[in-house]
């Protein structure tokens, strides 16, 4: 199964890159509202497509997500 990132991981990865929520929005193609919702309410309520877009944008900038117990 593919790993789904959590809202806390999105926020932490963005902070490590020094990106604002707006910058992640621009890099991922997601709305600022979607980014804010992911970070504050978690990714459970987000579509798989939106989670993948955020993850892809962060990974393209150099972030590596390590699976739990990985």
Protein backbone atom coordinates (compact mmCIF):
# COMPACT_ATOMS: atom_id res chain seq x y z
CA UNK A 1 0.00 0.00 0.00
CA UNK A 2 1.15 3.52 -0.75
CA UNK A 3 2.01 5.70 2.18
CA UNK A 4 -0.35 8.60 2.73
CA UNK A 5 1.29 11.62 4.26
CA UNK A 6 -0.28 13.35 7.25
CA UNK A 7 -1.08 17.01 7.70
CA UNK A 8 1.75 17.38 10.21
CA UNK A 9 4.18 16.00 7.62
CA UNK A 10 2.98 18.50 5.03
CA UNK A 11 3.47 21.36 7.49
CA UNK A 12 6.89 20.12 8.64
CA UNK A 13 8.15 19.47 5.11
CA UNK A 14 7.01 22.91 4.00
CA UNK A 15 8.76 24.49 6.98
CA UNK A 16 11.99 22.61 6.23
CA UNK A 17 11.92 24.03 2.71
CA UNK A 18 11.20 27.52 4.03
CA UNK A 19 8.02 27.66 1.94
CA UNK A 20 4.88 29.53 2.84
CA UNK A 21 1.52 27.88 2.40
CA UNK A 22 1.10 30.04 -0.70
CA UNK A 23 4.35 28.72 -2.18
CA UNK A 24 3.25 25.11 -1.64
CA UNK A 25 -0.04 26.02 -3.26
CA UNK A 26 1.78 27.35 -6.32
CA UNK A 27 4.18 24.38 -6.58
CA UNK A 28 1.44 21.78 -6.13
CA UNK A 29 -1.35 23.41 -8.14
CA UNK A 30 -3.65 23.15 -5.12
CA UNK A 31 -5.64 26.03 -3.71
CA UNK A 32 -4.36 27.86 -0.65
CA UNK A 33 -7.55 26.79 1.13
CA UNK A 34 -6.76 23.13 0.42
CA UNK A 35 -3.23 23.48 1.80
CA UNK A 36 -4.50 25.20 4.94
CA UNK A 37 -7.16 22.51 5.44
CA UNK A 38 -4.62 19.69 4.99
CA UNK A 39 -2.30 21.21 7.56
CA UNK A 40 -4.92 22.10 10.15
CA UNK A 41 -7.45 19.27 9.83
CA UNK A 42 -5.18 16.55 8.47
CA UNK A 43 -5.18 14.77 5.15
CA UNK A 44 -7.94 12.29 6.03
CA UNK A 45 -10.52 14.62 4.48
CA UNK A 46 -8.46 15.33 1.36
CA UNK A 47 -8.71 13.43 -1.90
CA UNK A 48 -5.92 11.04 -2.85
CA UNK A 49 -5.21 13.25 -5.88
CA UNK A 50 -4.68 16.33 -3.70
CA UNK A 51 -2.49 14.47 -1.22
CA UNK A 52 -0.39 13.13 -4.09
CA UNK A 53 -0.03 16.63 -5.58
CA UNK A 54 1.25 18.05 -2.29
CA UNK A 55 3.58 15.08 -1.76
CA UNK A 56 4.94 15.30 -5.32
CA UNK A 57 5.64 19.03 -5.01
CA UNK A 58 7.47 18.57 -1.71
CA UNK A 59 9.46 15.60 -3.02
CA UNK A 60 10.42 17.52 -6.18
CA UNK A 61 11.93 20.17 -3.89
CA UNK A 62 14.04 17.54 -2.11
CA UNK A 63 11.90 16.25 0.75
CA UNK A 64 12.08 12.50 1.37
CA UNK A 65 9.17 10.92 3.23
CA UNK A 66 10.15 7.79 5.16
CA UNK A 67 7.40 5.26 5.86
CA UNK A 68 6.58 4.50 9.49
CA UNK A 69 8.87 1.73 10.71
CA UNK A 70 11.00 2.37 7.62
